[in-house]
C-alpha cells in the first residue's frame, strides 16, 4: 500500500516500491510538496529526519538535508523562488530551506 494509515492523524506516504520506485528515505514520508517553479521537482520530508528534493520524472535525488527533524508539513514559497518552509508541530519548529543552496 502506498499510504500507511496505522497512525491516522499522521498518515505517511511510502513511495519505495510503488509508482516512482524511489528509495530516498529510510522511513515513512510525512509530507511532499511540488515545486511551483519547476513542476518536476518534489520536496519530501520523512520520519528519518531528512528533507529530500528529487526529480519526479526520473526519480533521481537532487539534494538532501539531513537535519534530524521530522517535518510534517512542507510548502514552497509563492514569493521567493526556491524557498521552502517546513513545520514540525510536535516541537513548535519552523525550518526555512533555500533549494538553490541545498
N, C-alpha and C. Protein backbone atom coordinates (compact mmCIF):
# COMPACT_ATOMS: atom_id res chain seq x y z
N UNK A 1 0.84 -1.18 0.00
CA UNK A 1 0.00 0.00 0.00
C UNK A 1 0.88 1.25 0.00
N UNK A 2 0.45 2.26 -0.69
CA UNK A 2 1.19 3.50 -0.76
C UNK A 2 1.07 4.32 0.51
N UNK A 3 -0.07 4.25 1.17
CA UNK A 3 -0.32 5.03 2.38
C UNK A 3 -0.29 4.13 3.59
N UNK A 4 0.45 4.56 4.61
CA UNK A 4 0.49 3.85 5.88
C UNK A 4 -0.45 4.59 6.82
N UNK A 5 -1.59 3.98 7.15
CA UNK A 5 -2.61 4.62 7.97
C UNK A 5 -2.64 4.07 9.40
N UNK A 6 -1.55 3.45 9.81
CA UNK A 6 -1.51 2.93 11.18
C UNK A 6 -1.60 4.05 12.20
N UNK A 7 -1.17 5.24 11.84
CA UNK A 7 -1.31 6.41 12.69
C UNK A 7 -2.15 7.41 11.89
N UNK A 8 -3.48 7.35 11.97
CA UNK A 8 -4.35 8.14 11.10
C UNK A 8 -4.14 9.65 11.19
N UNK A 9 -3.71 10.14 12.36
CA UNK A 9 -3.51 11.59 12.47
C UNK A 9 -2.28 12.05 11.68
N UNK A 10 -1.35 11.13 11.38
CA UNK A 10 -0.17 11.44 10.58
C UNK A 10 0.04 10.33 9.55
N UNK A 11 -0.83 10.23 8.55
CA UNK A 11 -0.63 9.18 7.53
C UNK A 11 0.67 9.45 6.78
N UNK A 12 1.36 8.39 6.42
CA UNK A 12 2.62 8.54 5.71
C UNK A 12 2.51 7.96 4.31
N UNK A 13 3.17 8.60 3.39
CA UNK A 13 3.22 8.16 2.00
C UNK A 13 4.54 7.45 1.79
N UNK A 14 4.49 6.22 1.34
CA UNK A 14 5.69 5.44 1.11
C UNK A 14 5.83 5.22 -0.39
N UNK A 15 6.81 5.90 -1.00
CA UNK A 15 7.00 5.77 -2.44
C UNK A 15 7.89 4.61 -2.81
N UNK A 16 8.60 4.03 -1.85
CA UNK A 16 9.50 2.93 -2.15
C UNK A 16 8.72 1.74 -2.70
N UNK A 17 9.12 1.29 -3.85
CA UNK A 17 8.49 0.13 -4.45
C UNK A 17 7.15 0.41 -5.09
N UNK A 18 6.74 1.66 -5.15
CA UNK A 18 5.46 2.00 -5.76
C UNK A 18 5.67 2.72 -7.08
N UNK A 19 4.82 3.64 -7.39
CA UNK A 19 4.77 4.27 -8.70
C UNK A 19 6.13 4.71 -9.24
N UNK A 20 6.87 5.49 -8.47
CA UNK A 20 8.14 6.01 -8.96
C UNK A 20 9.33 5.12 -8.58
N UNK A 21 9.09 4.10 -7.76
CA UNK A 21 10.13 3.19 -7.31
C UNK A 21 11.31 3.95 -6.70
N UNK A 22 10.99 4.88 -5.82
CA UNK A 22 12.01 5.71 -5.19
C UNK A 22 12.47 5.09 -3.88
N UNK A 23 13.73 5.25 -3.59
CA UNK A 23 14.28 4.79 -2.33
C UNK A 23 15.15 5.91 -1.75
N UNK A 24 14.51 7.04 -1.43
CA UNK A 24 15.26 8.20 -0.96
C UNK A 24 15.13 8.41 0.53
N UNK A 25 14.19 7.74 1.17
CA UNK A 25 14.00 7.87 2.62
C UNK A 25 14.10 6.50 3.25
N UNK A 26 14.52 6.48 4.51
CA UNK A 26 14.63 5.22 5.24
C UNK A 26 13.43 4.94 6.12
N UNK A 27 12.42 5.82 6.05
CA UNK A 27 11.23 5.65 6.86
C UNK A 27 10.06 6.33 6.15
N UNK A 28 8.86 6.24 6.68
CA UNK A 28 7.67 6.76 6.02
C UNK A 28 7.73 8.26 5.73
N UNK A 29 7.21 8.65 4.59
CA UNK A 29 7.18 10.05 4.19
C UNK A 29 6.01 10.74 4.89
N UNK A 30 6.28 11.91 5.46
CA UNK A 30 5.29 12.67 6.19
C UNK A 30 4.65 13.76 5.34
N UNK A 31 5.42 14.35 4.43
CA UNK A 31 4.91 15.46 3.63
C UNK A 31 5.64 15.54 2.30
N UNK A 32 4.92 15.98 1.28
CA UNK A 32 5.51 16.25 -0.03
C UNK A 32 4.98 17.58 -0.53
N UNK A 33 5.74 18.21 -1.40
CA UNK A 33 5.30 19.46 -1.99
C UNK A 33 5.93 19.62 -3.37
N UNK A 34 5.09 19.85 -4.38
CA UNK A 34 5.54 20.07 -5.75
C UNK A 34 6.06 21.49 -5.88
N UNK A 35 7.18 21.67 -6.55
CA UNK A 35 7.77 22.99 -6.77
C UNK A 35 6.93 23.75 -7.80
N UNK A 36 6.45 24.96 -7.47
CA UNK A 36 5.62 25.71 -8.42
C UNK A 36 6.43 26.29 -9.57
N UNK A 37 7.75 26.37 -9.43
CA UNK A 37 8.60 26.96 -10.46
C UNK A 37 9.19 25.93 -11.40
N UNK A 38 9.25 24.69 -10.95
CA UNK A 38 9.73 23.58 -11.77
C UNK A 38 8.91 22.35 -11.39
N UNK A 39 7.86 22.06 -12.15
CA UNK A 39 6.90 21.01 -11.76
C UNK A 39 7.48 19.60 -11.67
N UNK A 40 8.69 19.38 -12.13
CA UNK A 40 9.24 18.03 -11.98
C UNK A 40 9.98 17.85 -10.65
N UNK A 41 10.17 18.93 -9.89
CA UNK A 41 10.87 18.84 -8.60
C UNK A 41 9.86 18.69 -7.46
N UNK A 42 10.12 17.69 -6.63
CA UNK A 42 9.28 17.43 -5.46
C UNK A 42 10.17 17.45 -4.22
N UNK A 43 9.69 18.10 -3.18
CA UNK A 43 10.36 18.06 -1.88
C UNK A 43 9.58 17.08 -1.01
N UNK A 44 10.31 16.33 -0.20
CA UNK A 44 9.65 15.38 0.71
C UNK A 44 10.36 15.39 2.05
N UNK A 45 9.59 15.17 3.10
CA UNK A 45 10.17 15.01 4.44
C UNK A 45 9.68 13.69 5.00
N UNK A 46 10.49 13.13 5.88
CA UNK A 46 10.22 11.77 6.34
C UNK A 46 10.52 11.61 7.82
N UNK A 47 10.06 10.49 8.34
CA UNK A 47 10.34 10.12 9.73
C UNK A 47 11.83 9.85 9.96
N UNK A 48 12.61 9.75 8.89
CA UNK A 48 14.05 9.54 9.04
C UNK A 48 14.79 10.86 9.31
N UNK A 49 14.06 11.98 9.37
CA UNK A 49 14.66 13.27 9.67
C UNK A 49 15.32 13.96 8.49
N UNK A 50 15.04 13.49 7.29
CA UNK A 50 15.64 14.07 6.09
C UNK A 50 14.59 14.83 5.29
N UNK A 51 15.03 15.91 4.66
CA UNK A 51 14.23 16.60 3.66
C UNK A 51 14.95 16.39 2.34
N UNK A 52 14.25 15.81 1.37
CA UNK A 52 14.87 15.47 0.09
C UNK A 52 14.19 16.20 -1.05
N UNK A 53 14.97 16.51 -2.05
CA UNK A 53 14.48 17.12 -3.28
C UNK A 53 14.82 16.15 -4.40
N UNK A 54 13.80 15.76 -5.17
CA UNK A 54 14.06 14.81 -6.24
C UNK A 54 13.31 15.15 -7.50
N UNK A 55 13.80 14.59 -8.59
CA UNK A 55 13.23 14.78 -9.92
C UNK A 55 12.15 13.72 -10.10
N UNK A 56 10.91 14.16 -10.26
CA UNK A 56 9.79 13.22 -10.35
C UNK A 56 9.78 12.47 -11.68
N UNK A 57 10.48 12.96 -12.68
CA UNK A 57 10.48 12.29 -13.99
C UNK A 57 11.39 11.07 -14.01
N UNK A 58 12.54 11.17 -13.33
CA UNK A 58 13.48 10.05 -13.38
C UNK A 58 13.79 9.45 -12.00
N UNK A 59 13.28 10.07 -10.92
CA UNK A 59 13.48 9.56 -9.57
C UNK A 59 14.83 9.88 -8.95
N UNK A 60 15.66 10.67 -9.64
CA UNK A 60 16.98 10.99 -9.13
C UNK A 60 16.91 11.97 -7.96
N UNK A 61 17.70 11.71 -6.95
CA UNK A 61 17.83 12.60 -5.81
C UNK A 61 18.66 13.81 -6.25
N UNK A 62 18.11 15.01 -6.06
CA UNK A 62 18.80 16.24 -6.45
C UNK A 62 19.59 16.79 -5.27
N UNK A 63 18.96 16.82 -4.11
CA UNK A 63 19.61 17.34 -2.90
C UNK A 63 18.95 16.71 -1.68
N UNK A 64 19.70 16.69 -0.59
CA UNK A 64 19.18 16.12 0.65
C UNK A 64 19.70 16.94 1.83
N UNK A 65 18.82 17.22 2.77
CA UNK A 65 19.19 17.90 4.01
C UNK A 65 18.87 16.95 5.15
N UNK A 66 19.89 16.54 5.86
CA UNK A 66 19.71 15.60 6.98
C UNK A 66 19.86 16.38 8.28
N UNK A 67 18.74 16.99 8.72
CA UNK A 67 18.78 17.80 9.93
C UNK A 67 18.16 17.09 11.13
N UNK A 68 17.70 15.86 10.94
CA UNK A 68 17.14 15.09 12.04
C UNK A 68 15.77 15.55 12.51
N UNK A 69 15.11 16.40 11.71
CA UNK A 69 13.80 16.93 12.09
C UNK A 69 12.71 16.29 11.23
N UNK A 70 11.67 15.75 11.87
CA UNK A 70 10.56 15.14 11.15
C UNK A 70 9.51 16.21 10.84
N UNK A 71 9.65 16.85 9.70
CA UNK A 71 8.72 17.92 9.30
C UNK A 71 7.43 17.31 8.77
N UNK A 72 6.33 17.73 9.33
CA UNK A 72 5.03 17.16 8.94
C UNK A 72 4.31 17.99 7.89
N UNK A 73 4.90 19.15 7.55
CA UNK A 73 4.30 19.99 6.53
C UNK A 73 5.40 20.72 5.77
N UNK A 74 5.32 20.69 4.44
CA UNK A 74 6.25 21.41 3.57
C UNK A 74 5.45 22.29 2.62
N UNK A 75 5.96 23.48 2.36
CA UNK A 75 5.28 24.38 1.42
C UNK A 75 6.32 25.27 0.74
N UNK A 76 6.29 25.29 -0.61
CA UNK A 76 7.15 26.19 -1.36
C UNK A 76 6.63 27.61 -1.24
N UNK A 77 7.54 28.57 -1.21
CA UNK A 77 7.15 29.97 -1.14
C UNK A 77 6.59 30.45 -2.48
N UNK A 78 5.45 31.12 -2.46
CA UNK A 78 4.92 31.68 -3.71
C UNK A 78 5.60 33.00 -4.07
N UNK A 79 6.44 33.52 -3.17
CA UNK A 79 7.05 34.83 -3.37
C UNK A 79 8.54 34.79 -3.67
N UNK A 80 9.21 33.73 -3.24
CA UNK A 80 10.66 33.66 -3.39
C UNK A 80 11.04 32.32 -4.02
N UNK A 81 11.50 32.36 -5.25
CA UNK A 81 11.82 31.14 -5.99
C UNK A 81 12.87 30.31 -5.25
N UNK A 82 12.57 29.05 -5.04
CA UNK A 82 13.50 28.14 -4.41
C UNK A 82 13.42 28.06 -2.89
N UNK A 83 12.57 28.86 -2.27
CA UNK A 83 12.44 28.82 -0.80
C UNK A 83 11.33 27.85 -0.41
N UNK A 84 11.58 27.10 0.63
CA UNK A 84 10.65 26.08 1.12
C UNK A 84 10.58 26.20 2.64
N UNK A 85 9.39 26.10 3.18
CA UNK A 85 9.22 26.15 4.63
C UNK A 85 8.70 24.80 5.10
N UNK A 86 9.21 24.36 6.24
CA UNK A 86 8.77 23.11 6.84
C UNK A 86 8.36 23.35 8.27
N UNK A 87 7.40 22.58 8.76
CA UNK A 87 6.86 22.79 10.10
C UNK A 87 6.76 21.46 10.84
N UNK A 88 7.23 21.48 12.07
CA UNK A 88 7.09 20.32 12.96
C UNK A 88 6.29 20.77 14.17
N UNK A 89 5.01 20.40 14.20
CA UNK A 89 4.13 20.86 15.27
C UNK A 89 4.46 20.26 16.62
N UNK A 90 5.10 19.11 16.67
CA UNK A 90 5.46 18.50 17.95
C UNK A 90 6.49 19.34 18.71
N UNK A 91 7.37 19.96 17.97
CA UNK A 91 8.43 20.77 18.59
C UNK A 91 8.20 22.26 18.40
N UNK A 92 7.04 22.64 17.83
CA UNK A 92 6.77 24.05 17.51
C UNK A 92 7.95 24.66 16.78
N UNK A 93 8.37 23.99 15.71
CA UNK A 93 9.58 24.36 14.99
C UNK A 93 9.27 24.64 13.53
N UNK A 94 9.85 25.71 13.03
CA UNK A 94 9.73 26.05 11.61
C UNK A 94 11.14 26.07 11.02
N UNK A 95 11.32 25.40 9.89
CA UNK A 95 12.58 25.39 9.17
C UNK A 95 12.37 26.06 7.82
N UNK A 96 13.32 26.87 7.40
CA UNK A 96 13.26 27.50 6.08
C UNK A 96 14.46 27.01 5.28
N UNK A 97 14.20 26.49 4.10
CA UNK A 97 15.24 25.95 3.23
C UNK A 97 15.36 26.81 1.97
N UNK A 98 16.57 26.93 1.48
CA UNK A 98 16.80 27.56 0.18
C UNK A 98 17.27 26.46 -0.75
N UNK A 99 16.38 26.00 -1.61
CA UNK A 99 16.69 24.89 -2.51
C UNK A 99 17.88 25.23 -3.40
N UNK A 100 18.05 26.50 -3.73
CA UNK A 100 19.16 26.91 -4.60
C UNK A 100 20.51 26.70 -3.92
N UNK A 101 20.53 26.59 -2.59
CA UNK A 101 21.79 26.40 -1.85
C UNK A 101 21.91 24.98 -1.29
N UNK A 102 20.90 24.16 -1.49
CA UNK A 102 20.91 22.80 -0.92
C UNK A 102 21.88 21.90 -1.66
